[in-house]
N, C-alpha and C. Protein backbone atom coordinates (compact mmCIF):
# COMPACT_ATOMS: atom_id res chain seq x y z
N UNK A 1 -5.16 32.53 61.32
CA UNK A 1 -3.85 32.48 61.93
C UNK A 1 -2.88 31.86 60.94
N UNK A 2 -1.69 32.43 60.87
CA UNK A 2 -0.66 31.92 59.98
C UNK A 2 0.59 31.59 60.79
N UNK A 3 1.23 30.51 60.39
CA UNK A 3 2.53 30.16 60.95
C UNK A 3 3.58 30.94 60.17
N UNK A 4 4.60 31.43 60.85
CA UNK A 4 5.67 32.16 60.16
C UNK A 4 6.22 31.32 59.01
N UNK A 5 6.51 31.97 57.91
CA UNK A 5 7.00 31.26 56.72
C UNK A 5 8.30 30.52 56.96
N UNK A 6 9.18 31.08 57.77
CA UNK A 6 10.49 30.48 57.94
C UNK A 6 10.54 29.35 58.97
N UNK A 7 9.43 29.04 59.60
CA UNK A 7 9.39 27.94 60.58
C UNK A 7 9.56 26.63 59.82
N UNK A 8 10.53 25.83 60.27
CA UNK A 8 10.82 24.55 59.63
C UNK A 8 10.19 23.42 60.42
N UNK A 9 9.68 22.42 59.69
CA UNK A 9 9.05 21.25 60.30
C UNK A 9 9.72 19.99 59.80
N UNK A 10 9.87 19.03 60.66
CA UNK A 10 10.34 17.72 60.22
C UNK A 10 9.19 16.72 60.38
N UNK A 11 9.30 15.61 59.68
CA UNK A 11 8.27 14.58 59.76
C UNK A 11 8.19 13.94 61.14
N UNK A 12 9.24 14.10 61.94
CA UNK A 12 9.24 13.50 63.28
C UNK A 12 8.63 14.42 64.33
N UNK A 13 8.18 15.63 63.93
CA UNK A 13 7.54 16.53 64.87
C UNK A 13 8.45 17.60 65.42
N UNK A 14 9.62 17.75 64.85
CA UNK A 14 10.55 18.79 65.26
C UNK A 14 10.16 20.10 64.59
N UNK A 15 10.06 21.17 65.37
CA UNK A 15 9.67 22.49 64.87
C UNK A 15 10.80 23.46 65.21
N UNK A 16 11.30 24.16 64.20
CA UNK A 16 12.43 25.07 64.41
C UNK A 16 12.10 26.46 63.89
N UNK A 17 12.33 27.46 64.73
CA UNK A 17 12.13 28.86 64.35
C UNK A 17 13.51 29.50 64.17
N UNK A 18 13.97 29.64 62.93
CA UNK A 18 15.31 30.17 62.71
C UNK A 18 15.47 31.64 63.11
N UNK A 19 14.37 32.37 63.20
CA UNK A 19 14.49 33.77 63.59
C UNK A 19 14.86 33.94 65.06
N UNK A 20 14.54 32.95 65.88
CA UNK A 20 14.89 33.01 67.31
C UNK A 20 15.89 31.94 67.72
N UNK A 21 16.02 30.91 66.91
CA UNK A 21 16.87 29.77 67.27
C UNK A 21 16.18 28.77 68.16
N UNK A 22 14.91 29.01 68.47
CA UNK A 22 14.15 28.11 69.34
C UNK A 22 13.68 26.88 68.58
N UNK A 23 13.65 25.76 69.27
CA UNK A 23 13.12 24.54 68.67
C UNK A 23 12.13 23.90 69.64
N UNK A 24 11.21 23.17 69.08
CA UNK A 24 10.13 22.55 69.84
C UNK A 24 9.87 21.17 69.23
N UNK A 25 9.14 20.36 69.94
CA UNK A 25 8.67 19.10 69.38
C UNK A 25 7.18 19.00 69.64
N UNK A 26 6.51 18.32 68.75
CA UNK A 26 5.07 18.16 68.87
C UNK A 26 4.68 16.75 68.46
N UNK A 27 3.48 16.38 68.85
CA UNK A 27 2.98 15.05 68.49
C UNK A 27 2.43 15.08 67.06
N UNK A 28 2.05 13.92 66.52
CA UNK A 28 1.57 13.88 65.12
C UNK A 28 0.38 14.79 64.84
N UNK A 29 -0.55 14.92 65.79
CA UNK A 29 -1.70 15.80 65.56
C UNK A 29 -1.25 17.25 65.53
N UNK A 30 -0.39 17.65 66.44
CA UNK A 30 0.14 19.01 66.44
C UNK A 30 0.88 19.31 65.15
N UNK A 31 1.65 18.35 64.67
CA UNK A 31 2.38 18.52 63.41
C UNK A 31 1.42 18.73 62.24
N UNK A 32 0.36 17.93 62.19
CA UNK A 32 -0.65 18.08 61.14
C UNK A 32 -1.29 19.47 61.19
N UNK A 33 -1.61 19.92 62.39
CA UNK A 33 -2.24 21.24 62.54
C UNK A 33 -1.29 22.33 62.05
N UNK A 34 -0.03 22.26 62.45
CA UNK A 34 0.93 23.28 62.03
C UNK A 34 1.09 23.27 60.51
N UNK A 35 1.17 22.08 59.92
CA UNK A 35 1.28 21.99 58.45
C UNK A 35 0.07 22.65 57.78
N UNK A 36 -1.12 22.38 58.30
CA UNK A 36 -2.32 22.95 57.70
C UNK A 36 -2.38 24.46 57.91
N UNK A 37 -1.92 24.94 59.05
CA UNK A 37 -1.86 26.38 59.28
C UNK A 37 -0.89 27.04 58.31
N UNK A 38 0.23 26.36 58.03
CA UNK A 38 1.19 26.89 57.05
C UNK A 38 0.55 26.96 55.66
N UNK A 39 -0.36 26.04 55.38
CA UNK A 39 -1.07 26.01 54.09
C UNK A 39 -2.27 26.96 54.10
N UNK A 40 -2.43 27.70 55.21
CA UNK A 40 -3.50 28.68 55.38
C UNK A 40 -4.91 28.06 55.31
N UNK A 41 -5.03 26.85 55.86
CA UNK A 41 -6.34 26.21 55.97
C UNK A 41 -7.14 26.91 57.06
N UNK A 42 -8.45 26.90 56.91
CA UNK A 42 -9.32 27.50 57.92
C UNK A 42 -9.47 26.54 59.10
N UNK A 43 -9.88 27.08 60.26
CA UNK A 43 -10.12 26.18 61.41
C UNK A 43 -11.13 25.07 61.07
N UNK A 44 -12.12 25.37 60.26
CA UNK A 44 -13.12 24.37 59.88
C UNK A 44 -12.49 23.27 59.02
N UNK A 45 -11.60 23.65 58.10
CA UNK A 45 -10.93 22.66 57.26
C UNK A 45 -10.00 21.79 58.10
N UNK A 46 -9.32 22.40 59.06
CA UNK A 46 -8.42 21.66 59.93
C UNK A 46 -9.21 20.68 60.78
N UNK A 47 -10.32 21.15 61.35
CA UNK A 47 -11.15 20.27 62.18
C UNK A 47 -11.64 19.07 61.38
N UNK A 48 -12.14 19.30 60.18
CA UNK A 48 -12.64 18.21 59.36
C UNK A 48 -11.55 17.18 59.07
N UNK A 49 -10.35 17.66 58.77
CA UNK A 49 -9.25 16.75 58.45
C UNK A 49 -8.81 15.95 59.67
N UNK A 50 -8.66 16.62 60.80
CA UNK A 50 -8.18 15.94 62.01
C UNK A 50 -9.21 14.94 62.53
N UNK A 51 -10.47 15.32 62.53
CA UNK A 51 -11.53 14.41 62.99
C UNK A 51 -11.57 13.17 62.10
N UNK A 52 -11.32 13.36 60.81
CA UNK A 52 -11.33 12.23 59.87
C UNK A 52 -10.09 11.34 60.06
N UNK A 53 -8.92 11.95 60.28
CA UNK A 53 -7.67 11.18 60.39
C UNK A 53 -7.48 10.48 61.73
N UNK A 54 -7.96 11.11 62.80
CA UNK A 54 -7.72 10.59 64.14
C UNK A 54 -9.05 10.34 64.84
N UNK A 55 -9.03 9.46 65.80
CA UNK A 55 -10.26 9.14 66.53
C UNK A 55 -10.47 10.19 67.62
N UNK A 56 -11.05 11.32 67.25
CA UNK A 56 -11.31 12.39 68.20
C UNK A 56 -12.65 13.01 67.84
N UNK A 57 -13.43 13.35 68.85
CA UNK A 57 -14.71 13.98 68.58
C UNK A 57 -14.51 15.48 68.37
N UNK A 58 -15.48 16.12 67.73
CA UNK A 58 -15.36 17.53 67.36
C UNK A 58 -15.22 18.45 68.57
N UNK A 59 -15.95 18.18 69.63
CA UNK A 59 -15.90 19.04 70.82
C UNK A 59 -14.51 19.00 71.45
N UNK A 60 -13.96 17.81 71.62
CA UNK A 60 -12.61 17.69 72.18
C UNK A 60 -11.59 18.35 71.27
N UNK A 61 -11.74 18.15 69.96
CA UNK A 61 -10.82 18.77 69.02
C UNK A 61 -10.83 20.29 69.16
N UNK A 62 -12.03 20.87 69.19
CA UNK A 62 -12.12 22.33 69.24
C UNK A 62 -11.42 22.90 70.48
N UNK A 63 -11.64 22.29 71.62
CA UNK A 63 -10.99 22.77 72.84
C UNK A 63 -9.48 22.67 72.71
N UNK A 64 -9.01 21.50 72.31
CA UNK A 64 -7.57 21.28 72.19
C UNK A 64 -6.97 22.16 71.09
N UNK A 65 -7.68 22.35 70.00
CA UNK A 65 -7.19 23.18 68.89
C UNK A 65 -6.97 24.62 69.35
N UNK A 66 -7.94 25.19 70.01
CA UNK A 66 -7.80 26.59 70.43
C UNK A 66 -6.72 26.74 71.50
N UNK A 67 -6.57 25.76 72.37
CA UNK A 67 -5.46 25.79 73.33
C UNK A 67 -4.12 25.72 72.60
N UNK A 68 -4.04 24.86 71.59
CA UNK A 68 -2.80 24.67 70.84
C UNK A 68 -2.41 25.93 70.05
N UNK A 69 -3.36 26.53 69.35
CA UNK A 69 -3.02 27.72 68.56
C UNK A 69 -2.71 28.91 69.47
N UNK A 70 -3.31 28.96 70.64
CA UNK A 70 -2.96 30.02 71.60
C UNK A 70 -1.51 29.84 72.06
N UNK A 71 -1.12 28.59 72.30
CA UNK A 71 0.26 28.31 72.69
C UNK A 71 1.23 28.67 71.56
N UNK A 72 0.86 28.36 70.31
CA UNK A 72 1.71 28.74 69.16
C UNK A 72 1.91 30.24 69.10
N UNK A 73 0.86 30.97 69.38
CA UNK A 73 0.93 32.43 69.39
C UNK A 73 1.84 32.92 70.52
N UNK A 74 1.71 32.33 71.69
CA UNK A 74 2.52 32.75 72.84
C UNK A 74 4.01 32.51 72.63
N UNK A 75 4.35 31.43 71.90
CA UNK A 75 5.77 31.17 71.65
C UNK A 75 6.23 31.81 70.34
N UNK A 76 5.37 32.65 69.79
CA UNK A 76 5.69 33.50 68.64
C UNK A 76 6.03 32.72 67.37
N UNK A 77 5.28 31.65 67.11
CA UNK A 77 5.43 30.92 65.85
C UNK A 77 4.43 31.40 64.81
N UNK A 78 3.61 32.35 65.18
CA UNK A 78 2.58 32.84 64.26
C UNK A 78 2.90 34.25 63.80
N UNK A 79 2.32 34.58 62.64
CA UNK A 79 2.45 35.94 62.12
C UNK A 79 1.25 36.74 62.60
N UNK A 80 1.46 38.01 62.79
CA UNK A 80 0.37 38.90 63.18
C UNK A 80 -0.42 39.25 61.93
N UNK A 81 -1.69 38.86 61.89
CA UNK A 81 -2.54 39.11 60.72
C UNK A 81 -3.06 40.52 60.67
N UNK A 82 -3.02 41.23 61.79
CA UNK A 82 -3.58 42.58 61.83
C UNK A 82 -2.61 43.56 61.18
N UNK A 83 -3.15 44.44 60.37
CA UNK A 83 -2.32 45.49 59.77
C UNK A 83 -2.26 46.66 60.71
N UNK A 84 -1.10 47.28 60.75
CA UNK A 84 -0.94 48.44 61.63
C UNK A 84 -1.81 49.58 61.15
N UNK A 85 -2.44 50.22 62.09
CA UNK A 85 -3.28 51.37 61.78
C UNK A 85 -2.51 52.62 62.12
N UNK A 86 -2.43 53.53 61.16
CA UNK A 86 -1.70 54.78 61.38
C UNK A 86 -2.63 55.89 61.78
């Protein structure tokens, strides 16, 4: 999963999508995840980093991570990785 290139992030957790004009706020863990997704880190790399940085177990992280990235997709902050088939 990739975050759109033009999505802007602030250190305070502000997320802005200039293509739609929509803005959102997220907590520090959400901000870290979005930054890592922008860097095209794998889910395994993200899990390892978040578990190390924050006091969260892997099972809780995985559930929350998949819920979070699904929400990012629903609000259209992600790019579609699938290529169109003709």
